């Protein structure tokens, strides 16, 4: 367990050849299948947590351990496990991987393809979908007044001073109508000291 601490925080990670990273337009796993190996640049990733589940006092040859990792986008778990094995001088590989969360979405919110097919056959697929507003919880919300809806729906900019939020220029917000439906994604822009919300994606 102590060796795991060496992988916490910001870590430089070299992607394995069997990965979806692109080099000059080609995915590494395509090159690997052709027997080609090329140098890869190390990338900075962040591992916030690496916790062993029901750890044993000792591990022997071919023993397995289960762990839960909280990490940044772009982290290759297989590479982490391989690097841990190399650090310990015993080798290690991944036998099973389950993604528990991606962004705001958690595994218990997922539905199987069988459930999707069942809902589709009954014409009820919409019951499984979440709203665009719920799908973007990381963005601050900006509730539009009714008279600004037509302007936003046509891509027109809106004065920041009418809808003040303490954000830096280039920050993104969700623009909602009075029933919390997502109308647009807007960016805070600045021109010669004047701030305004510019819709960049209208729904």
N, C-alpha and C. Protein backbone atom coordinates (compact mmCIF):
# COMPACT_ATOMS: atom_id res chain seq x y z
N UNK A 1 0.83 -1.20 0.00
CA UNK A 1 0.00 0.00 0.00
C UNK A 1 0.87 1.26 0.00
N UNK A 2 2.05 1.17 0.65
CA UNK A 2 2.90 2.35 0.71
C UNK A 2 3.38 2.80 -0.65
N UNK A 3 3.61 1.87 -1.58
CA UNK A 3 4.10 2.21 -2.91
C UNK A 3 3.07 3.00 -3.69
N UNK A 4 1.81 2.81 -3.37
CA UNK A 4 0.75 3.53 -4.07
C UNK A 4 0.88 5.03 -3.87
N UNK A 5 1.39 5.44 -2.71
CA UNK A 5 1.54 6.87 -2.43
C UNK A 5 2.43 7.58 -3.44
N UNK A 6 3.34 6.83 -4.08
CA UNK A 6 4.22 7.42 -5.09
C UNK A 6 3.45 7.86 -6.33
N UNK A 7 2.21 7.38 -6.48
CA UNK A 7 1.42 7.70 -7.67
C UNK A 7 0.31 8.70 -7.38
N UNK A 8 0.27 9.24 -6.17
CA UNK A 8 -0.75 10.23 -5.84
C UNK A 8 -0.28 11.63 -6.23
N UNK A 9 -1.24 12.47 -6.58
CA UNK A 9 -0.91 13.83 -7.02
C UNK A 9 -0.66 13.87 -8.51
N UNK A 10 0.13 14.84 -8.96
CA UNK A 10 0.45 14.95 -10.39
C UNK A 10 1.57 13.98 -10.74
N UNK A 11 1.33 13.20 -11.77
CA UNK A 11 2.26 12.15 -12.18
C UNK A 11 2.49 12.24 -13.68
N UNK A 12 3.72 12.01 -14.11
CA UNK A 12 4.00 11.90 -15.54
C UNK A 12 3.74 10.47 -15.98
N UNK A 13 2.90 10.31 -16.99
CA UNK A 13 2.54 8.97 -17.45
C UNK A 13 2.81 8.84 -18.94
N UNK A 14 3.50 7.78 -19.32
CA UNK A 14 3.76 7.50 -20.73
C UNK A 14 2.69 6.52 -21.21
N UNK A 15 1.86 6.90 -22.18
CA UNK A 15 0.81 5.99 -22.67
C UNK A 15 1.41 4.71 -23.21
N UNK A 16 0.75 3.59 -22.97
CA UNK A 16 1.19 2.31 -23.54
C UNK A 16 0.92 2.30 -25.03
N UNK A 17 1.59 1.44 -25.75
CA UNK A 17 1.34 1.34 -27.19
C UNK A 17 -0.10 0.90 -27.47
N UNK A 18 -0.65 0.05 -26.62
CA UNK A 18 -2.04 -0.36 -26.81
C UNK A 18 -2.95 0.64 -26.10
N UNK A 19 -3.06 1.83 -26.70
CA UNK A 19 -3.94 2.88 -26.19
C UNK A 19 -4.49 3.66 -27.37
N UNK A 20 -5.51 4.46 -27.10
CA UNK A 20 -6.18 5.21 -28.18
C UNK A 20 -5.53 6.56 -28.44
N UNK A 21 -4.41 6.85 -27.78
CA UNK A 21 -3.71 8.11 -28.01
C UNK A 21 -3.27 8.19 -29.48
N UNK A 22 -3.45 9.38 -30.08
CA UNK A 22 -3.07 9.56 -31.48
C UNK A 22 -1.70 10.23 -31.58
N UNK A 23 -0.86 9.72 -32.46
CA UNK A 23 0.43 10.32 -32.79
C UNK A 23 0.46 10.51 -34.30
N UNK A 24 0.53 11.78 -34.72
CA UNK A 24 0.50 12.12 -36.15
C UNK A 24 -0.71 11.49 -36.85
N UNK A 25 -1.85 11.56 -36.16
CA UNK A 25 -3.10 11.11 -36.76
C UNK A 25 -3.39 9.63 -36.67
N UNK A 26 -2.44 8.85 -36.12
CA UNK A 26 -2.64 7.41 -36.01
C UNK A 26 -2.76 7.00 -34.55
N UNK A 27 -3.74 6.12 -34.27
CA UNK A 27 -3.90 5.63 -32.91
C UNK A 27 -2.79 4.63 -32.60
N UNK A 28 -2.29 4.73 -31.37
CA UNK A 28 -1.17 3.87 -30.99
C UNK A 28 -1.51 2.39 -31.10
N UNK A 29 -2.76 2.02 -30.75
CA UNK A 29 -3.08 0.58 -30.81
C UNK A 29 -3.09 0.06 -32.24
N UNK A 30 -3.38 0.94 -33.23
CA UNK A 30 -3.30 0.51 -34.63
C UNK A 30 -1.84 0.21 -35.01
N UNK A 31 -0.94 1.09 -34.55
CA UNK A 31 0.48 0.87 -34.83
C UNK A 31 0.99 -0.38 -34.11
N UNK A 32 0.54 -0.56 -32.86
CA UNK A 32 0.98 -1.73 -32.09
C UNK A 32 0.56 -3.02 -32.76
N UNK A 33 -0.62 -3.05 -33.34
CA UNK A 33 -1.10 -4.25 -34.03
C UNK A 33 -0.29 -4.55 -35.29
N UNK A 34 0.37 -3.51 -35.81
CA UNK A 34 1.24 -3.70 -36.97
C UNK A 34 2.66 -4.06 -36.55
N UNK A 35 2.87 -4.17 -35.24
CA UNK A 35 4.20 -4.48 -34.73
C UNK A 35 5.12 -3.28 -34.66
N UNK A 36 4.56 -2.08 -34.76
CA UNK A 36 5.35 -0.85 -34.75
C UNK A 36 5.31 -0.23 -33.35
N UNK A 37 6.46 0.13 -32.82
CA UNK A 37 6.52 0.84 -31.54
C UNK A 37 7.24 2.15 -31.76
N UNK A 38 6.64 3.24 -31.28
CA UNK A 38 7.23 4.56 -31.46
C UNK A 38 7.39 5.24 -30.11
N UNK A 39 8.28 6.22 -30.00
CA UNK A 39 8.43 6.96 -28.74
C UNK A 39 7.15 7.73 -28.43
N UNK A 40 6.77 7.74 -27.15
CA UNK A 40 5.59 8.48 -26.73
C UNK A 40 5.99 9.53 -25.69
N UNK A 41 5.37 10.69 -25.77
CA UNK A 41 5.64 11.74 -24.80
C UNK A 41 4.89 11.47 -23.50
N UNK A 42 5.56 11.74 -22.38
CA UNK A 42 4.90 11.61 -21.08
C UNK A 42 3.87 12.72 -20.94
N UNK A 43 2.73 12.39 -20.32
CA UNK A 43 1.67 13.37 -20.09
C UNK A 43 1.43 13.50 -18.59
N UNK A 44 1.06 14.70 -18.17
CA UNK A 44 0.76 14.93 -16.76
C UNK A 44 -0.68 14.53 -16.47
N UNK A 45 -0.85 13.64 -15.51
CA UNK A 45 -2.17 13.23 -15.05
C UNK A 45 -2.22 13.49 -13.55
N UNK A 46 -3.40 13.43 -12.99
CA UNK A 46 -3.56 13.61 -11.54
C UNK A 46 -4.32 12.44 -10.95
N UNK A 47 -3.75 11.86 -9.90
CA UNK A 47 -4.42 10.79 -9.15
C UNK A 47 -4.74 11.36 -7.77
N UNK A 48 -6.02 11.59 -7.53
CA UNK A 48 -6.43 12.18 -6.25
C UNK A 48 -6.54 11.11 -5.16
N UNK A 49 -6.94 9.92 -5.55
CA UNK A 49 -7.12 8.86 -4.54
C UNK A 49 -6.86 7.50 -5.17
N UNK A 50 -6.17 6.65 -4.42
CA UNK A 50 -5.96 5.26 -4.84
C UNK A 50 -6.09 4.43 -3.56
N UNK A 51 -7.22 3.81 -3.41
CA UNK A 51 -7.55 3.12 -2.17
C UNK A 51 -7.71 1.63 -2.41
N UNK A 52 -7.05 0.82 -1.57
CA UNK A 52 -7.21 -0.63 -1.65
C UNK A 52 -8.51 -1.03 -0.96
N UNK A 53 -9.25 -1.94 -1.58
CA UNK A 53 -10.49 -2.45 -1.01
C UNK A 53 -10.19 -3.78 -0.33
N UNK A 54 -10.49 -3.86 0.96
CA UNK A 54 -10.21 -5.07 1.75
C UNK A 54 -8.77 -5.56 1.56
N UNK A 55 -7.79 -4.72 1.89
CA UNK A 55 -6.39 -5.11 1.65
C UNK A 55 -5.96 -6.30 2.53
N UNK A 56 -5.07 -7.11 1.99
CA UNK A 56 -4.49 -8.23 2.74
C UNK A 56 -3.19 -7.77 3.38
N UNK A 57 -2.78 -8.51 4.41
CA UNK A 57 -1.51 -8.18 5.08
C UNK A 57 -0.33 -8.42 4.15
N UNK A 58 -0.43 -9.48 3.32
CA UNK A 58 0.63 -9.80 2.36
C UNK A 58 -0.02 -10.30 1.08
N UNK A 59 0.70 -10.12 -0.01
CA UNK A 59 0.24 -10.62 -1.31
C UNK A 59 1.31 -11.54 -1.87
N UNK A 60 0.87 -12.69 -2.39
CA UNK A 60 1.80 -13.63 -2.98
C UNK A 60 1.65 -13.69 -4.49
N UNK A 61 2.39 -14.61 -5.11
CA UNK A 61 2.37 -14.77 -6.56
C UNK A 61 0.95 -15.06 -7.05
N UNK A 62 0.51 -14.32 -8.06
CA UNK A 62 -0.80 -14.44 -8.69
C UNK A 62 -1.96 -14.00 -7.79
N UNK A 63 -1.66 -13.44 -6.65
CA UNK A 63 -2.74 -12.87 -5.83
C UNK A 63 -3.30 -11.64 -6.52
N UNK A 64 -4.56 -11.38 -6.28
CA UNK A 64 -5.22 -10.22 -6.86
C UNK A 64 -5.58 -9.23 -5.76
N UNK A 65 -5.63 -7.98 -6.13
CA UNK A 65 -6.12 -6.96 -5.20
C UNK A 65 -7.11 -6.08 -5.94
N UNK A 66 -8.04 -5.54 -5.19
CA UNK A 66 -9.06 -4.65 -5.75
C UNK A 66 -8.83 -3.26 -5.19
N UNK A 67 -8.88 -2.27 -6.05
CA UNK A 67 -8.69 -0.90 -5.59
C UNK A 67 -9.64 0.04 -6.31
N UNK A 68 -9.79 1.22 -5.73
CA UNK A 68 -10.64 2.26 -6.32
C UNK A 68 -9.79 3.51 -6.51
N UNK A 69 -9.82 4.04 -7.73
CA UNK A 69 -8.96 5.17 -8.09
C UNK A 69 -9.80 6.35 -8.55
N UNK A 70 -9.49 7.51 -8.04
CA UNK A 70 -10.10 8.76 -8.50
C UNK A 70 -9.02 9.55 -9.21
N UNK A 71 -9.23 9.83 -10.50
CA UNK A 71 -8.14 10.41 -11.30
C UNK A 71 -8.69 11.38 -12.34
N UNK A 72 -7.76 12.06 -12.98
CA UNK A 72 -8.13 13.05 -13.99
C UNK A 72 -8.41 12.37 -15.33
N UNK A 73 -9.05 13.14 -16.20
CA UNK A 73 -9.29 12.69 -17.56
C UNK A 73 -7.95 12.38 -18.24
N UNK A 74 -7.94 11.31 -19.04
CA UNK A 74 -6.73 10.97 -19.77
C UNK A 74 -5.80 10.01 -19.04
N UNK A 75 -6.19 9.61 -17.82
CA UNK A 75 -5.37 8.66 -17.07
C UNK A 75 -5.60 7.24 -17.59
N UNK A 76 -4.52 6.52 -17.80
CA UNK A 76 -4.63 5.12 -18.20
C UNK A 76 -4.42 4.24 -16.96
N UNK A 77 -5.50 3.61 -16.51
CA UNK A 77 -5.43 2.78 -15.32
C UNK A 77 -4.51 1.58 -15.54
N UNK A 78 -4.57 1.00 -16.74
CA UNK A 78 -3.69 -0.14 -17.03
C UNK A 78 -2.22 0.25 -16.87
N UNK A 79 -1.89 1.46 -17.29
CA UNK A 79 -0.52 1.94 -17.16
C UNK A 79 -0.15 2.16 -15.70
N UNK A 80 -1.08 2.71 -14.92
CA UNK A 80 -0.83 2.89 -13.49
C UNK A 80 -0.49 1.56 -12.82
N UNK A 81 -1.31 0.55 -13.10
CA UNK A 81 -1.11 -0.77 -12.49
C UNK A 81 0.23 -1.37 -12.93
N UNK A 82 0.53 -1.26 -14.21
CA UNK A 82 1.81 -1.75 -14.73
C UNK A 82 2.98 -1.04 -14.06
N UNK A 83 2.87 0.29 -13.92
CA UNK A 83 3.95 1.07 -13.31
C UNK A 83 4.11 0.70 -11.83
N UNK A 84 3.00 0.42 -11.15
CA UNK A 84 3.08 -0.01 -9.75
C UNK A 84 3.85 -1.33 -9.65
N UNK A 85 3.52 -2.26 -10.54
CA UNK A 85 4.23 -3.54 -10.55
C UNK A 85 5.71 -3.38 -10.80
N UNK A 86 6.06 -2.47 -11.72
CA UNK A 86 7.49 -2.24 -12.01
C UNK A 86 8.19 -1.63 -10.80
N UNK A 87 7.50 -0.69 -10.12
CA UNK A 87 8.09 -0.06 -8.94
C UNK A 87 8.37 -1.10 -7.86
N UNK A 88 7.47 -2.06 -7.70
CA UNK A 88 7.63 -3.09 -6.68
C UNK A 88 8.57 -4.22 -7.13
N UNK A 89 8.89 -4.25 -8.43
CA UNK A 89 9.79 -5.27 -8.95
C UNK A 89 9.16 -6.64 -9.08
N UNK A 90 7.82 -6.68 -9.15
CA UNK A 90 7.14 -7.98 -9.23
C UNK A 90 6.26 -8.10 -10.47
N UNK A 91 6.02 -7.01 -11.16
CA UNK A 91 5.12 -7.02 -12.30
C UNK A 91 3.67 -7.00 -11.85
N UNK A 92 2.81 -6.44 -12.66
CA UNK A 92 1.37 -6.40 -12.36
C UNK A 92 0.61 -6.10 -13.63
N UNK A 93 -0.60 -6.60 -13.72
CA UNK A 93 -1.45 -6.27 -14.85
C UNK A 93 -2.89 -6.17 -14.39
N UNK A 94 -3.70 -5.54 -15.20
CA UNK A 94 -5.11 -5.32 -14.89
C UNK A 94 -5.93 -6.50 -15.39
N UNK A 95 -6.78 -7.05 -14.53
CA UNK A 95 -7.63 -8.16 -14.95
C UNK A 95 -9.08 -7.74 -15.13
N UNK A 96 -9.47 -6.63 -14.53
CA UNK A 96 -10.86 -6.17 -14.64
C UNK A 96 -10.90 -4.68 -14.36
N UNK A 97 -11.73 -3.96 -15.11
CA UNK A 97 -11.84 -2.51 -14.94
C UNK A 97 -13.29 -2.09 -15.04
N UNK A 98 -13.77 -1.37 -14.05
CA UNK A 98 -15.13 -0.83 -14.05
C UNK A 98 -15.06 0.66 -13.79
N UNK A 99 -15.63 1.45 -14.70
CA UNK A 99 -15.68 2.89 -14.48
C UNK A 99 -16.88 3.21 -13.60
N UNK A 100 -16.63 3.76 -12.43
CA UNK A 100 -17.69 4.05 -11.47
C UNK A 100 -18.32 5.42 -11.68
N UNK A 101 -17.55 6.35 -12.26
CA UNK A 101 -18.06 7.70 -12.44
C UNK A 101 -17.30 8.38 -13.56
N UNK A 102 -17.99 9.20 -14.33
CA UNK A 102 -17.37 10.03 -15.35
C UNK A 102 -18.02 11.41 -15.27
N UNK A 103 -17.25 12.39 -14.80
CA UNK A 103 -17.84 13.70 -14.58
C UNK A 103 -18.91 13.62 -13.50
N UNK A 104 -20.10 14.09 -13.83
CA UNK A 104 -21.20 14.09 -12.86
C UNK A 104 -22.00 12.80 -12.90
N UNK A 105 -21.68 11.90 -13.83
CA UNK A 105 -22.48 10.69 -14.02
C UNK A 105 -21.88 9.50 -13.30
N UNK A 106 -22.73 8.78 -12.57
CA UNK A 106 -22.28 7.64 -11.79
C UNK A 106 -22.85 6.35 -12.34
N UNK A 107 -22.19 5.26 -11.99
CA UNK A 107 -22.55 3.96 -12.54
C UNK A 107 -23.99 3.58 -12.24
N UNK A 108 -24.50 3.94 -11.06
CA UNK A 108 -25.86 3.55 -10.72
C UNK A 108 -26.92 4.30 -11.54
N UNK A 109 -26.47 5.29 -12.33
CA UNK A 109 -27.40 5.99 -13.24
C UNK A 109 -27.44 5.33 -14.61
N UNK A 110 -26.52 4.39 -14.85
CA UNK A 110 -26.44 3.77 -16.18
C UNK A 110 -27.57 2.76 -16.38
N UNK A 111 -27.91 2.52 -17.64
CA UNK A 111 -28.89 1.50 -17.99
C UNK A 111 -28.27 0.58 -19.04
N UNK A 112 -28.70 -0.66 -19.03
CA UNK A 112 -28.15 -1.64 -19.97
C UNK A 112 -28.77 -1.45 -21.35
N UNK A 113 -28.10 -2.02 -22.37
CA UNK A 113 -28.64 -1.97 -23.72
C UNK A 113 -29.98 -2.69 -23.81
N UNK A 114 -30.15 -3.74 -22.99
CA UNK A 114 -31.42 -4.46 -22.99
C UNK A 114 -32.56 -3.56 -22.53
N UNK A 115 -32.29 -2.75 -21.50
CA UNK A 115 -33.31 -1.81 -21.01
C UNK A 115 -33.61 -0.76 -22.07
N UNK A 116 -32.57 -0.27 -22.74
CA UNK A 116 -32.77 0.72 -23.81
C UNK A 116 -33.64 0.14 -24.91
N UNK A 117 -33.34 -1.10 -25.33
CA UNK A 117 -34.14 -1.75 -26.38
C UNK A 117 -35.59 -1.90 -25.94
N UNK A 118 -35.78 -2.28 -24.68
CA UNK A 118 -37.13 -2.47 -24.15
C UNK A 118 -37.92 -1.15 -24.19
N UNK A 119 -37.30 -0.07 -23.74
CA UNK A 119 -37.96 1.23 -23.75
C UNK A 119 -38.23 1.71 -25.17
N UNK A 120 -37.27 1.44 -26.08
CA UNK A 120 -37.46 1.83 -27.48
C UNK A 120 -38.65 1.09 -28.09
N UNK A 121 -38.74 -0.19 -27.80
CA UNK A 121 -39.84 -0.98 -28.38
C UNK A 121 -41.19 -0.51 -27.90
N UNK A 122 -41.20 0.11 -26.72
CA UNK A 122 -42.47 0.61 -26.16
C UNK A 122 -42.68 2.10 -26.45
N UNK A 123 -41.74 2.69 -27.22
CA UNK A 123 -41.86 4.12 -27.54
C UNK A 123 -41.65 5.02 -26.35
N UNK A 124 -40.88 4.56 -25.37
CA UNK A 124 -40.69 5.32 -24.13
C UNK A 124 -39.22 5.68 -23.89
N UNK A 125 -38.42 5.76 -24.94
CA UNK A 125 -36.99 6.04 -24.77
C UNK A 125 -36.76 7.35 -24.04
N UNK A 126 -37.63 8.31 -24.27
CA UNK A 126 -37.50 9.62 -23.62
C UNK A 126 -37.51 9.54 -22.10
N UNK A 127 -38.13 8.49 -21.56
CA UNK A 127 -38.18 8.32 -20.10
C UNK A 127 -36.80 8.07 -19.50
N UNK A 128 -35.86 7.59 -20.32
CA UNK A 128 -34.51 7.29 -19.83
C UNK A 128 -33.56 8.48 -19.95
N UNK A 129 -33.96 9.47 -20.74
CA UNK A 129 -33.06 10.59 -21.02
C UNK A 129 -33.12 11.63 -19.92
N UNK A 130 -31.97 12.26 -19.67
CA UNK A 130 -31.95 13.39 -18.75
C UNK A 130 -31.89 14.67 -19.57
N UNK A 131 -32.30 15.76 -18.97
CA UNK A 131 -32.32 17.03 -19.70
C UNK A 131 -30.91 17.54 -19.92
N UNK A 132 -30.76 18.41 -20.92
CA UNK A 132 -29.46 19.03 -21.18
C UNK A 132 -29.01 19.85 -19.98
N UNK A 133 -29.95 20.46 -19.29
CA UNK A 133 -29.62 21.24 -18.10
C UNK A 133 -28.98 20.33 -17.05
N UNK A 134 -29.58 19.17 -16.79
CA UNK A 134 -29.03 18.23 -15.81
C UNK A 134 -27.71 17.63 -16.28
N UNK A 135 -27.52 17.53 -17.59
CA UNK A 135 -26.30 16.92 -18.13
C UNK A 135 -25.08 17.82 -17.99
N UNK A 136 -25.30 19.09 -17.64
CA UNK A 136 -24.18 20.05 -17.53
C UNK A 136 -24.17 20.71 -16.15
N UNK A 137 -24.10 19.91 -15.08
CA UNK A 137 -24.18 20.50 -13.74
C UNK A 137 -22.99 21.38 -13.38
N UNK A 138 -21.87 21.23 -14.11
CA UNK A 138 -20.67 21.99 -13.79
C UNK A 138 -20.76 23.44 -14.24
N UNK A 139 -21.72 23.76 -15.11
CA UNK A 139 -21.83 25.13 -15.61
C UNK A 139 -22.80 25.95 -14.76
N UNK A 140 -22.42 27.19 -14.42
CA UNK A 140 -23.36 28.06 -13.70
C UNK A 140 -24.58 28.35 -14.56
N UNK A 141 -25.70 28.60 -13.90
CA UNK A 141 -26.95 28.86 -14.61
C UNK A 141 -27.26 30.35 -14.65
N UNK A 142 -27.86 30.74 -15.76
CA UNK A 142 -28.28 32.12 -15.94
C UNK A 142 -29.73 32.08 -16.43
N UNK A 143 -30.66 32.54 -15.60
CA UNK A 143 -32.09 32.48 -15.93
C UNK A 143 -32.46 33.70 -16.78
N UNK A 144 -32.86 33.46 -18.00
CA UNK A 144 -33.17 34.56 -18.92
C UNK A 144 -34.56 35.14 -18.67
N UNK A 145 -34.65 36.44 -18.84
CA UNK A 145 -35.96 37.08 -18.85
C UNK A 145 -36.62 36.80 -20.19
N UNK A 146 -37.92 36.77 -20.20
CA UNK A 146 -38.65 36.35 -21.39
C UNK A 146 -38.34 37.21 -22.61
N UNK A 147 -38.13 38.51 -22.39
CA UNK A 147 -37.89 39.38 -23.54
C UNK A 147 -36.52 39.16 -24.19
N UNK A 148 -35.61 38.43 -23.50
CA UNK A 148 -34.29 38.14 -24.08
C UNK A 148 -34.25 36.80 -24.80
N UNK A 149 -35.28 35.98 -24.66
CA UNK A 149 -35.28 34.66 -25.28
C UNK A 149 -35.13 34.72 -26.80
N UNK A 150 -35.93 35.54 -27.50
CA UNK A 150 -35.78 35.57 -28.96
C UNK A 150 -34.38 35.98 -29.41
N UNK A 151 -33.78 36.94 -28.71
CA UNK A 151 -32.44 37.41 -29.08
C UNK A 151 -31.42 36.28 -28.92
N UNK A 152 -31.48 35.57 -27.79
CA UNK A 152 -30.54 34.48 -27.53
C UNK A 152 -30.75 33.35 -28.53
N UNK A 153 -31.99 33.02 -28.83
CA UNK A 153 -32.28 31.93 -29.76
C UNK A 153 -31.78 32.23 -31.17
N UNK A 154 -31.56 33.52 -31.45
CA UNK A 154 -31.00 33.91 -32.74
C UNK A 154 -29.50 34.21 -32.65
N UNK A 155 -28.90 33.84 -31.50
CA UNK A 155 -27.45 34.00 -31.36
C UNK A 155 -26.99 35.38 -30.96
N UNK A 156 -27.93 36.24 -30.57
CA UNK A 156 -27.57 37.61 -30.21
C UNK A 156 -26.95 37.71 -28.83
N UNK A 157 -26.04 38.66 -28.67
CA UNK A 157 -25.37 38.83 -27.38
C UNK A 157 -26.28 39.55 -26.39
N UNK A 158 -26.02 39.28 -25.09
CA UNK A 158 -26.80 39.85 -24.01
C UNK A 158 -25.85 40.57 -23.06
N UNK A 159 -26.27 41.72 -22.57
CA UNK A 159 -25.42 42.50 -21.68
C UNK A 159 -25.10 41.73 -20.40
N UNK A 160 -23.84 41.74 -20.03
CA UNK A 160 -23.41 41.13 -18.78
C UNK A 160 -24.03 41.85 -17.60
N UNK A 161 -24.21 43.14 -17.73
CA UNK A 161 -24.65 43.96 -16.61
C UNK A 161 -26.12 43.70 -16.26
N UNK A 162 -26.84 43.05 -17.16
CA UNK A 162 -28.22 42.65 -16.89
C UNK A 162 -28.25 41.32 -16.16
N UNK A 163 -27.23 40.51 -16.40
CA UNK A 163 -27.14 39.18 -15.78
C UNK A 163 -25.72 39.02 -15.22
N UNK A 164 -25.48 39.60 -14.06
CA UNK A 164 -24.15 39.57 -13.47
C UNK A 164 -23.88 38.24 -12.77
N UNK A 165 -22.77 37.63 -13.10
CA UNK A 165 -22.24 36.49 -12.37
C UNK A 165 -20.75 36.73 -12.18
N UNK A 166 -20.23 36.42 -11.00
CA UNK A 166 -18.82 36.66 -10.72
C UNK A 166 -17.97 35.60 -11.39
N UNK A 167 -17.71 35.82 -12.68
CA UNK A 167 -16.92 34.88 -13.47
C UNK A 167 -15.87 35.63 -14.27
N UNK A 168 -14.84 34.90 -14.67
CA UNK A 168 -13.78 35.48 -15.49
C UNK A 168 -14.18 35.44 -16.96
N UNK A 169 -13.65 36.35 -17.79
CA UNK A 169 -13.90 36.27 -19.24
C UNK A 169 -13.56 34.90 -19.78
N UNK A 170 -14.33 34.45 -20.75
CA UNK A 170 -14.25 33.14 -21.41
C UNK A 170 -14.97 32.04 -20.61
N UNK A 171 -15.49 32.38 -19.44
CA UNK A 171 -16.25 31.39 -18.66
C UNK A 171 -17.55 31.05 -19.40
N UNK A 172 -17.99 29.82 -19.25
CA UNK A 172 -19.22 29.35 -19.89
C UNK A 172 -20.35 29.28 -18.88
N UNK A 173 -21.57 29.55 -19.35
CA UNK A 173 -22.76 29.44 -18.52
C UNK A 173 -23.88 28.76 -19.31
N UNK A 174 -24.86 28.23 -18.55
CA UNK A 174 -26.08 27.72 -19.17
C UNK A 174 -27.11 28.82 -19.14
N UNK A 175 -27.74 29.09 -20.27
CA UNK A 175 -28.85 30.04 -20.32
C UNK A 175 -30.16 29.24 -20.30
N UNK A 176 -31.00 29.51 -19.31
CA UNK A 176 -32.23 28.75 -19.12
C UNK A 176 -33.45 29.64 -19.30
N UNK A 177 -34.57 29.01 -19.70
CA UNK A 177 -35.83 29.76 -19.72
C UNK A 177 -36.49 29.63 -18.35
N UNK A 178 -37.72 30.15 -18.21
CA UNK A 178 -38.35 30.18 -16.89
C UNK A 178 -38.83 28.80 -16.42
N UNK A 179 -38.72 27.77 -17.29
CA UNK A 179 -39.05 26.41 -16.86
C UNK A 179 -37.79 25.55 -16.75
N UNK A 180 -36.63 26.20 -16.70
CA UNK A 180 -35.33 25.55 -16.54
C UNK A 180 -34.91 24.69 -17.73
N UNK A 181 -35.49 24.95 -18.90
CA UNK A 181 -35.03 24.28 -20.12
C UNK A 181 -33.79 25.02 -20.63
N UNK A 182 -32.81 24.25 -21.11
CA UNK A 182 -31.59 24.86 -21.61
C UNK A 182 -31.84 25.51 -22.96
N UNK A 183 -31.57 26.80 -23.04
CA UNK A 183 -31.77 27.55 -24.28
C UNK A 183 -30.46 27.67 -25.05
N UNK A 184 -29.37 27.89 -24.32
CA UNK A 184 -28.08 28.09 -24.99
C UNK A 184 -26.93 27.94 -24.00
N UNK A 185 -25.76 27.67 -24.56
CA UNK A 185 -24.50 27.79 -23.82
C UNK A 185 -23.88 29.11 -24.26
N UNK A 186 -23.50 29.94 -23.30
CA UNK A 186 -22.95 31.25 -23.62
C UNK A 186 -21.58 31.42 -22.97
N UNK A 187 -20.77 32.29 -23.57
CA UNK A 187 -19.43 32.58 -23.06
C UNK A 187 -19.36 34.06 -22.69
N UNK A 188 -18.71 34.35 -21.57
CA UNK A 188 -18.52 35.74 -21.17
C UNK A 188 -17.38 36.34 -21.99
N UNK A 189 -17.71 37.37 -22.75
CA UNK A 189 -16.73 38.03 -23.60
C UNK A 189 -16.50 39.46 -23.12
N UNK A 190 -15.34 40.00 -23.50
CA UNK A 190 -15.00 41.38 -23.13
C UNK A 190 -14.41 42.09 -24.33
N UNK A 191 -14.88 43.30 -24.59
CA UNK A 191 -14.36 44.11 -25.69
C UNK A 191 -14.25 45.55 -25.23
N UNK A 192 -13.01 46.01 -25.08
CA UNK A 192 -12.73 47.39 -24.67
C UNK A 192 -13.47 47.76 -23.39
N UNK A 193 -13.43 46.84 -22.43
CA UNK A 193 -14.03 47.12 -21.13
C UNK A 193 -15.52 46.82 -21.04
N UNK A 194 -16.13 46.43 -22.15
CA UNK A 194 -17.56 46.09 -22.14
C UNK A 194 -17.70 44.58 -22.09
N UNK A 195 -18.49 44.10 -21.14
CA UNK A 195 -18.68 42.66 -20.97
C UNK A 195 -20.07 42.26 -21.46
N UNK A 196 -20.11 41.09 -22.10
CA UNK A 196 -21.40 40.60 -22.60
C UNK A 196 -21.39 39.08 -22.69
N UNK A 197 -22.58 38.50 -22.71
CA UNK A 197 -22.75 37.05 -22.86
C UNK A 197 -22.99 36.74 -24.33
N UNK A 198 -22.12 35.92 -24.90
CA UNK A 198 -22.25 35.56 -26.31
C UNK A 198 -22.68 34.10 -26.42
N UNK A 199 -23.89 33.82 -26.90
CA UNK A 199 -24.29 32.43 -27.12
C UNK A 199 -23.35 31.76 -28.13
N UNK A 200 -22.86 30.58 -27.78
CA UNK A 200 -21.98 29.87 -28.70
C UNK A 200 -22.62 28.56 -29.17
N UNK A 201 -23.68 28.14 -28.48
CA UNK A 201 -24.44 26.96 -28.89
C UNK A 201 -25.88 27.16 -28.46
N UNK A 202 -26.78 27.20 -29.43
CA UNK A 202 -28.20 27.43 -29.17
C UNK A 202 -28.97 26.14 -29.41
N UNK A 203 -29.90 25.83 -28.50
CA UNK A 203 -30.66 24.58 -28.61
C UNK A 203 -32.11 24.86 -29.00
